[in-house]
N, C-alpha and C. Protein backbone atom coordinates (compact mmCIF):
# COMPACT_ATOMS: atom_id res chain seq x y z
N MET A 1 14.36 4.98 32.73
CA MET A 1 14.96 6.06 31.96
C MET A 1 13.87 6.99 31.49
N THR A 2 14.05 8.28 31.67
CA THR A 2 13.04 9.22 31.22
C THR A 2 13.57 10.05 30.07
N LEU A 3 12.67 10.37 29.15
CA LEU A 3 13.01 11.17 27.98
C LEU A 3 13.13 12.63 28.36
N ALA A 4 12.21 13.11 29.06
CA ALA A 4 12.22 14.49 29.54
C ALA A 4 11.70 14.44 30.96
N ARG A 5 11.63 15.58 31.59
CA ARG A 5 11.21 15.63 32.98
C ARG A 5 9.91 14.85 33.20
N GLY A 6 10.02 13.65 33.80
CA GLY A 6 8.85 12.86 34.17
C GLY A 6 8.20 12.09 33.04
N LEU A 7 8.78 12.03 31.85
CA LEU A 7 8.17 11.34 30.73
C LEU A 7 8.95 10.07 30.43
N SER A 8 8.39 8.92 30.82
CA SER A 8 9.05 7.65 30.57
C SER A 8 8.82 7.23 29.13
N ARG A 9 9.60 6.29 28.65
CA ARG A 9 9.44 5.80 27.27
C ARG A 9 8.05 5.19 27.09
N ARG A 10 7.62 4.41 28.07
CA ARG A 10 6.30 3.77 27.99
C ARG A 10 5.20 4.82 27.85
N ARG A 11 5.26 5.87 28.66
CA ARG A 11 4.24 6.92 28.59
C ARG A 11 4.34 7.68 27.27
N PHE A 12 5.57 7.94 26.81
CA PHE A 12 5.77 8.62 25.53
C PHE A 12 5.13 7.80 24.40
N LEU A 13 5.39 6.47 24.38
CA LEU A 13 4.84 5.63 23.32
C LEU A 13 3.32 5.57 23.39
N LEU A 14 2.77 5.53 24.58
CA LEU A 14 1.32 5.52 24.74
C LEU A 14 0.72 6.83 24.21
N LEU A 15 1.31 7.95 24.60
CA LEU A 15 0.82 9.24 24.13
C LEU A 15 0.98 9.38 22.62
N ALA A 16 2.08 8.88 22.09
CA ALA A 16 2.30 8.94 20.64
C ALA A 16 1.26 8.11 19.90
N ALA A 17 0.93 6.93 20.43
CA ALA A 17 -0.08 6.08 19.80
C ALA A 17 -1.46 6.75 19.83
N LEU A 18 -1.81 7.33 20.96
CA LEU A 18 -3.08 8.04 21.05
C LEU A 18 -3.11 9.23 20.10
N GLY A 19 -2.00 9.94 20.05
CA GLY A 19 -1.92 11.09 19.15
C GLY A 19 -2.00 10.68 17.69
N ALA A 20 -1.42 9.53 17.37
CA ALA A 20 -1.44 9.04 15.98
C ALA A 20 -2.87 8.77 15.54
N GLY A 21 -3.65 8.15 16.41
CA GLY A 21 -5.04 7.88 16.06
C GLY A 21 -5.83 9.15 15.86
N ALA A 22 -5.63 10.11 16.75
CA ALA A 22 -6.34 11.37 16.63
C ALA A 22 -5.90 12.16 15.40
N ALA A 23 -4.61 12.07 15.10
CA ALA A 23 -4.08 12.82 13.96
C ALA A 23 -4.46 12.19 12.63
N ALA A 24 -4.72 10.90 12.62
CA ALA A 24 -5.01 10.22 11.35
C ALA A 24 -6.23 10.81 10.66
N GLY A 25 -7.27 11.10 11.43
CA GLY A 25 -8.47 11.68 10.84
C GLY A 25 -8.20 13.05 10.24
N SER A 26 -7.53 13.90 10.99
CA SER A 26 -7.23 15.23 10.46
C SER A 26 -6.21 15.16 9.34
N ALA A 27 -5.30 14.19 9.40
CA ALA A 27 -4.31 14.04 8.31
C ALA A 27 -5.00 13.65 7.02
N LEU A 28 -5.99 12.78 7.10
CA LEU A 28 -6.73 12.40 5.89
C LEU A 28 -7.44 13.61 5.30
N ARG A 29 -8.06 14.41 6.16
CA ARG A 29 -8.75 15.60 5.67
C ARG A 29 -7.76 16.58 5.05
N ALA A 30 -6.56 16.65 5.59
CA ALA A 30 -5.57 17.59 5.08
C ALA A 30 -4.83 17.06 3.86
N GLY A 31 -5.00 15.79 3.53
CA GLY A 31 -4.36 15.22 2.35
C GLY A 31 -3.00 14.61 2.61
N TRP A 32 -2.55 14.53 3.84
CA TRP A 32 -1.21 14.02 4.13
C TRP A 32 -1.10 12.54 3.85
N LEU A 33 -2.13 11.79 4.12
CA LEU A 33 -2.08 10.35 3.88
C LEU A 33 -2.51 9.98 2.47
N ALA A 34 -3.03 10.94 1.74
CA ALA A 34 -3.50 10.68 0.39
C ALA A 34 -2.38 10.77 -0.63
N GLY A 35 -1.20 11.18 -0.22
CA GLY A 35 -0.07 11.26 -1.14
C GLY A 35 -0.21 12.38 -2.13
N ASP A 36 -0.69 13.54 -1.70
CA ASP A 36 -0.91 14.64 -2.64
C ASP A 36 0.35 15.43 -2.94
N GLY A 37 1.49 15.05 -2.34
CA GLY A 37 2.77 15.66 -2.70
C GLY A 37 3.08 16.97 -2.01
N ARG A 38 2.33 17.35 -0.99
CA ARG A 38 2.62 18.61 -0.31
C ARG A 38 3.98 18.59 0.38
N ARG A 39 4.39 17.42 0.86
CA ARG A 39 5.70 17.30 1.49
C ARG A 39 6.58 16.53 0.51
N SER A 40 7.33 17.26 -0.28
CA SER A 40 7.99 16.62 -1.40
C SER A 40 9.46 16.29 -1.15
N SER A 41 10.13 16.92 -0.21
CA SER A 41 11.55 16.60 -0.04
C SER A 41 11.70 15.16 0.43
N ARG A 42 12.82 14.56 0.05
CA ARG A 42 13.04 13.16 0.41
C ARG A 42 13.10 12.99 1.92
N ALA A 43 13.75 13.89 2.61
CA ALA A 43 13.82 13.80 4.08
C ALA A 43 12.42 13.91 4.68
N ALA A 44 11.63 14.84 4.17
CA ALA A 44 10.28 15.01 4.70
C ALA A 44 9.44 13.77 4.47
N ARG A 45 9.58 13.15 3.31
CA ARG A 45 8.82 11.92 3.03
C ARG A 45 9.21 10.82 4.01
N LEU A 46 10.51 10.73 4.33
CA LEU A 46 10.96 9.72 5.28
C LEU A 46 10.41 9.99 6.68
N LEU A 47 10.19 11.25 7.00
CA LEU A 47 9.74 11.63 8.34
C LEU A 47 8.23 11.73 8.46
N ASP A 48 7.49 11.41 7.41
CA ASP A 48 6.03 11.53 7.44
C ASP A 48 5.38 10.72 8.55
N GLY A 49 6.03 9.67 9.04
CA GLY A 49 5.42 8.83 10.05
C GLY A 49 5.37 9.43 11.44
N PHE A 50 6.14 10.48 11.68
CA PHE A 50 6.15 11.08 13.01
C PHE A 50 4.95 12.01 13.20
N VAL A 51 4.21 11.77 14.26
CA VAL A 51 3.10 12.64 14.59
C VAL A 51 3.62 13.90 15.28
N ASP A 52 4.61 13.72 16.13
CA ASP A 52 5.15 14.84 16.90
C ASP A 52 6.64 14.99 16.62
N LEU A 53 6.96 15.85 15.65
CA LEU A 53 8.37 16.03 15.29
C LEU A 53 9.18 16.67 16.41
N THR A 54 8.55 17.42 17.28
CA THR A 54 9.28 18.04 18.39
C THR A 54 9.88 16.96 19.28
N SER A 55 9.09 15.97 19.64
CA SER A 55 9.59 14.86 20.46
C SER A 55 10.61 14.04 19.69
N ALA A 56 10.35 13.82 18.40
CA ALA A 56 11.30 13.06 17.58
C ALA A 56 12.65 13.76 17.52
N ARG A 57 12.64 15.07 17.48
CA ARG A 57 13.90 15.82 17.43
C ARG A 57 14.68 15.70 18.74
N VAL A 58 13.98 15.62 19.87
CA VAL A 58 14.65 15.44 21.16
C VAL A 58 15.36 14.08 21.19
N VAL A 59 14.65 13.04 20.78
CA VAL A 59 15.25 11.71 20.73
C VAL A 59 16.38 11.71 19.70
N GLY A 60 16.17 12.38 18.56
CA GLY A 60 17.18 12.45 17.52
C GLY A 60 18.47 13.09 17.97
N ALA A 61 18.38 14.10 18.81
CA ALA A 61 19.60 14.74 19.32
C ALA A 61 20.43 13.73 20.11
N ALA A 62 19.77 12.87 20.86
CA ALA A 62 20.49 11.81 21.59
C ALA A 62 21.06 10.78 20.62
N CYS A 63 20.34 10.49 19.55
CA CYS A 63 20.81 9.52 18.57
C CYS A 63 22.07 10.01 17.85
N LEU A 64 22.21 11.30 17.71
CA LEU A 64 23.38 11.85 17.02
C LEU A 64 24.67 11.62 17.81
N GLU A 65 24.56 11.20 19.06
CA GLU A 65 25.74 10.89 19.86
C GLU A 65 26.22 9.45 19.68
N ILE A 66 25.48 8.64 18.91
CA ILE A 66 25.84 7.24 18.70
C ILE A 66 27.06 7.16 17.79
N PRO A 67 28.08 6.44 18.20
CA PRO A 67 29.24 6.26 17.32
C PRO A 67 28.84 5.53 16.03
N ARG A 68 29.45 5.89 14.95
CA ARG A 68 29.25 5.27 13.63
C ARG A 68 27.85 5.46 13.07
N LEU A 69 27.13 6.46 13.52
CA LEU A 69 25.84 6.80 12.90
C LEU A 69 26.07 8.03 12.02
N GLU A 70 25.46 8.06 10.87
CA GLU A 70 25.61 9.18 9.96
C GLU A 70 25.24 10.48 10.67
N ARG A 71 25.88 11.58 10.26
CA ARG A 71 25.73 12.84 10.99
C ARG A 71 25.22 14.01 10.14
N SER A 72 24.80 13.75 8.90
CA SER A 72 24.28 14.84 8.08
C SER A 72 22.99 14.38 7.40
N VAL A 73 22.16 15.33 7.00
CA VAL A 73 20.90 14.99 6.34
C VAL A 73 21.15 14.16 5.08
N PRO A 74 22.06 14.57 4.18
CA PRO A 74 22.27 13.74 2.98
C PRO A 74 22.75 12.32 3.30
N GLU A 75 23.65 12.17 4.27
CA GLU A 75 24.13 10.83 4.64
C GLU A 75 23.01 9.98 5.23
N LEU A 76 22.19 10.57 6.08
CA LEU A 76 21.08 9.83 6.69
C LEU A 76 20.05 9.42 5.64
N VAL A 77 19.72 10.35 4.74
CA VAL A 77 18.75 10.04 3.68
C VAL A 77 19.28 8.90 2.81
N ARG A 78 20.55 8.97 2.40
CA ARG A 78 21.14 7.91 1.57
C ARG A 78 21.11 6.56 2.31
N ALA A 79 21.48 6.55 3.58
CA ALA A 79 21.50 5.30 4.35
C ALA A 79 20.09 4.71 4.46
N LEU A 80 19.11 5.56 4.72
CA LEU A 80 17.73 5.09 4.83
C LEU A 80 17.21 4.60 3.48
N GLU A 81 17.54 5.32 2.41
CA GLU A 81 17.13 4.89 1.08
C GLU A 81 17.72 3.51 0.74
N ARG A 82 19.01 3.33 1.05
CA ARG A 82 19.64 2.02 0.80
C ARG A 82 18.89 0.92 1.56
N SER A 83 18.59 1.19 2.81
CA SER A 83 17.90 0.19 3.63
C SER A 83 16.49 -0.09 3.14
N LEU A 84 15.86 0.91 2.54
CA LEU A 84 14.49 0.76 2.06
C LEU A 84 14.42 0.27 0.61
N GLY A 85 15.57 0.06 -0.01
CA GLY A 85 15.56 -0.47 -1.37
C GLY A 85 15.76 0.56 -2.46
N GLY A 86 16.34 1.69 -2.14
CA GLY A 86 16.63 2.71 -3.15
C GLY A 86 15.52 3.74 -3.29
N GLU A 87 15.61 4.52 -4.35
CA GLU A 87 14.66 5.61 -4.54
C GLU A 87 13.24 5.11 -4.79
N SER A 88 13.08 3.85 -5.14
CA SER A 88 11.73 3.31 -5.34
C SER A 88 10.94 3.33 -4.04
N ALA A 89 11.63 3.53 -2.92
CA ALA A 89 10.94 3.61 -1.63
C ALA A 89 9.95 4.76 -1.58
N TYR A 90 10.16 5.76 -2.43
CA TYR A 90 9.28 6.94 -2.41
C TYR A 90 8.01 6.75 -3.23
N ARG A 91 7.91 5.64 -3.93
CA ARG A 91 6.69 5.38 -4.70
C ARG A 91 5.56 5.07 -3.73
N GLY A 92 4.39 5.52 -4.07
CA GLY A 92 3.24 5.23 -3.24
C GLY A 92 2.94 6.36 -2.27
N SER A 93 2.00 6.12 -1.45
CA SER A 93 1.51 7.13 -0.52
C SER A 93 2.37 7.20 0.74
N PRO A 94 2.21 8.26 1.51
CA PRO A 94 2.89 8.33 2.81
C PRO A 94 2.54 7.14 3.71
N ARG A 95 1.33 6.66 3.61
CA ARG A 95 0.93 5.49 4.42
C ARG A 95 1.78 4.28 4.03
N GLU A 96 2.00 4.08 2.73
CA GLU A 96 2.84 2.97 2.28
C GLU A 96 4.28 3.15 2.74
N MET A 97 4.75 4.39 2.76
CA MET A 97 6.10 4.67 3.26
C MET A 97 6.20 4.28 4.73
N ARG A 98 5.19 4.66 5.52
CA ARG A 98 5.22 4.32 6.94
C ARG A 98 5.22 2.80 7.13
N THR A 99 4.49 2.09 6.29
CA THR A 99 4.46 0.63 6.37
C THR A 99 5.84 0.06 6.07
N ARG A 100 6.51 0.58 5.04
CA ARG A 100 7.85 0.10 4.70
C ARG A 100 8.85 0.40 5.82
N VAL A 101 8.73 1.58 6.42
CA VAL A 101 9.64 1.94 7.52
C VAL A 101 9.38 1.02 8.72
N SER A 102 8.13 0.75 9.04
CA SER A 102 7.81 -0.15 10.16
C SER A 102 8.38 -1.54 9.92
N GLU A 103 8.26 -2.04 8.69
CA GLU A 103 8.81 -3.35 8.36
C GLU A 103 10.34 -3.34 8.49
N LEU A 104 10.96 -2.24 8.07
CA LEU A 104 12.42 -2.12 8.17
C LEU A 104 12.87 -2.16 9.63
N VAL A 105 12.16 -1.46 10.50
CA VAL A 105 12.50 -1.45 11.92
C VAL A 105 12.36 -2.86 12.50
N ARG A 106 11.29 -3.57 12.13
CA ARG A 106 11.12 -4.94 12.61
C ARG A 106 12.26 -5.84 12.14
N LYS A 107 12.67 -5.67 10.88
CA LYS A 107 13.78 -6.47 10.34
C LYS A 107 15.08 -6.15 11.09
N ASP A 108 15.30 -4.88 11.40
CA ASP A 108 16.49 -4.50 12.16
C ASP A 108 16.53 -5.23 13.50
N PHE A 109 15.40 -5.23 14.20
CA PHE A 109 15.36 -5.90 15.50
C PHE A 109 15.58 -7.41 15.33
N ALA A 110 14.98 -8.00 14.31
CA ALA A 110 15.16 -9.43 14.07
C ALA A 110 16.62 -9.77 13.79
N ALA A 111 17.32 -8.85 13.10
CA ALA A 111 18.73 -9.07 12.78
C ALA A 111 19.67 -8.55 13.87
N LEU A 112 19.08 -8.07 14.96
CA LEU A 112 19.83 -7.48 16.07
C LEU A 112 20.70 -6.30 15.63
N ASP A 113 20.23 -5.57 14.62
CA ASP A 113 20.89 -4.35 14.17
C ASP A 113 20.30 -3.21 15.00
N ILE A 114 20.75 -3.14 16.24
CA ILE A 114 20.18 -2.23 17.23
C ILE A 114 21.26 -1.35 17.84
N VAL A 115 20.83 -0.26 18.44
CA VAL A 115 21.75 0.66 19.10
C VAL A 115 21.17 1.04 20.46
N ASP A 116 22.06 1.41 21.37
CA ASP A 116 21.65 1.89 22.68
C ASP A 116 21.70 3.41 22.68
N VAL A 117 20.57 4.01 22.99
CA VAL A 117 20.48 5.46 23.05
C VAL A 117 20.03 5.84 24.46
N GLN A 118 21.00 6.17 25.28
CA GLN A 118 20.74 6.54 26.67
C GLN A 118 19.85 5.53 27.38
N GLY A 119 20.14 4.25 27.17
CA GLY A 119 19.39 3.20 27.83
C GLY A 119 18.21 2.67 27.03
N TRP A 120 17.85 3.33 25.95
CA TRP A 120 16.76 2.86 25.10
C TRP A 120 17.36 2.00 24.00
N VAL A 121 16.69 0.95 23.64
CA VAL A 121 17.13 0.09 22.54
C VAL A 121 16.30 0.45 21.31
N LEU A 122 16.98 0.95 20.28
CA LEU A 122 16.33 1.33 19.03
C LEU A 122 16.96 0.56 17.89
N SER A 123 16.21 0.36 16.83
CA SER A 123 16.82 -0.22 15.63
C SER A 123 17.73 0.85 15.03
N ARG A 124 18.76 0.42 14.29
CA ARG A 124 19.68 1.39 13.69
C ARG A 124 18.93 2.35 12.76
N ASN A 125 18.00 1.84 11.97
CA ASN A 125 17.28 2.72 11.05
C ASN A 125 16.28 3.62 11.78
N GLU A 126 15.75 3.15 12.87
CA GLU A 126 14.90 3.99 13.71
C GLU A 126 15.72 5.15 14.27
N ALA A 127 16.94 4.87 14.73
CA ALA A 127 17.83 5.92 15.22
C ALA A 127 18.17 6.90 14.10
N ARG A 128 18.37 6.37 12.88
CA ARG A 128 18.63 7.25 11.74
C ARG A 128 17.45 8.20 11.50
N LEU A 129 16.24 7.68 11.59
CA LEU A 129 15.06 8.54 11.39
C LEU A 129 14.98 9.63 12.45
N TYR A 130 15.21 9.25 13.70
CA TYR A 130 15.20 10.26 14.76
C TYR A 130 16.29 11.30 14.54
N ALA A 131 17.49 10.84 14.16
CA ALA A 131 18.59 11.78 13.90
C ALA A 131 18.24 12.69 12.74
N LEU A 132 17.61 12.15 11.71
CA LEU A 132 17.18 12.97 10.58
C LEU A 132 16.18 14.04 11.03
N ALA A 133 15.27 13.66 11.90
CA ALA A 133 14.31 14.65 12.42
C ALA A 133 15.03 15.76 13.17
N ALA A 134 16.07 15.40 13.92
CA ALA A 134 16.81 16.41 14.68
C ALA A 134 17.55 17.37 13.75
N LEU A 135 18.02 16.88 12.63
CA LEU A 135 18.85 17.70 11.74
C LEU A 135 18.07 18.46 10.67
N ASP A 136 16.94 17.91 10.25
CA ASP A 136 16.22 18.49 9.12
C ASP A 136 15.18 19.51 9.58
N SER A 137 15.49 20.77 9.41
CA SER A 137 14.58 21.82 9.87
C SER A 137 13.42 22.05 8.91
N ASN A 138 13.47 21.44 7.71
CA ASN A 138 12.39 21.63 6.74
C ASN A 138 11.32 20.58 6.84
N ALA A 139 11.54 19.58 7.68
CA ALA A 139 10.57 18.48 7.75
C ALA A 139 9.32 18.90 8.50
């Protein structure tokens, strides 16, 4: 299954991982990982883990076709907040938020709370994050 013309999931994940490492240094210099509050909206804080929002939005558009998945920014934010333990999820740095989101995705897979997105298997909360990226133009 390819995400876009000639881009397989494996290659996308490899490129995303390489990009994440390269972006981490510049993100630290820019203050994104230091929690300086430049990205203050709740949706933006949830989306801080994405290095490439353009790609996330493409996947998110496909996620919005999943039956029984929330379809608006407020619904997605509320669902993610509930899964992350409420508004206390926003305490701490963006790095801590990414850690909590990663743990949530692992728990979803362990509980088999997964969805099929055009042949890709994603955790339900991972699909919510992608859908949020597709819908939130301010992120």
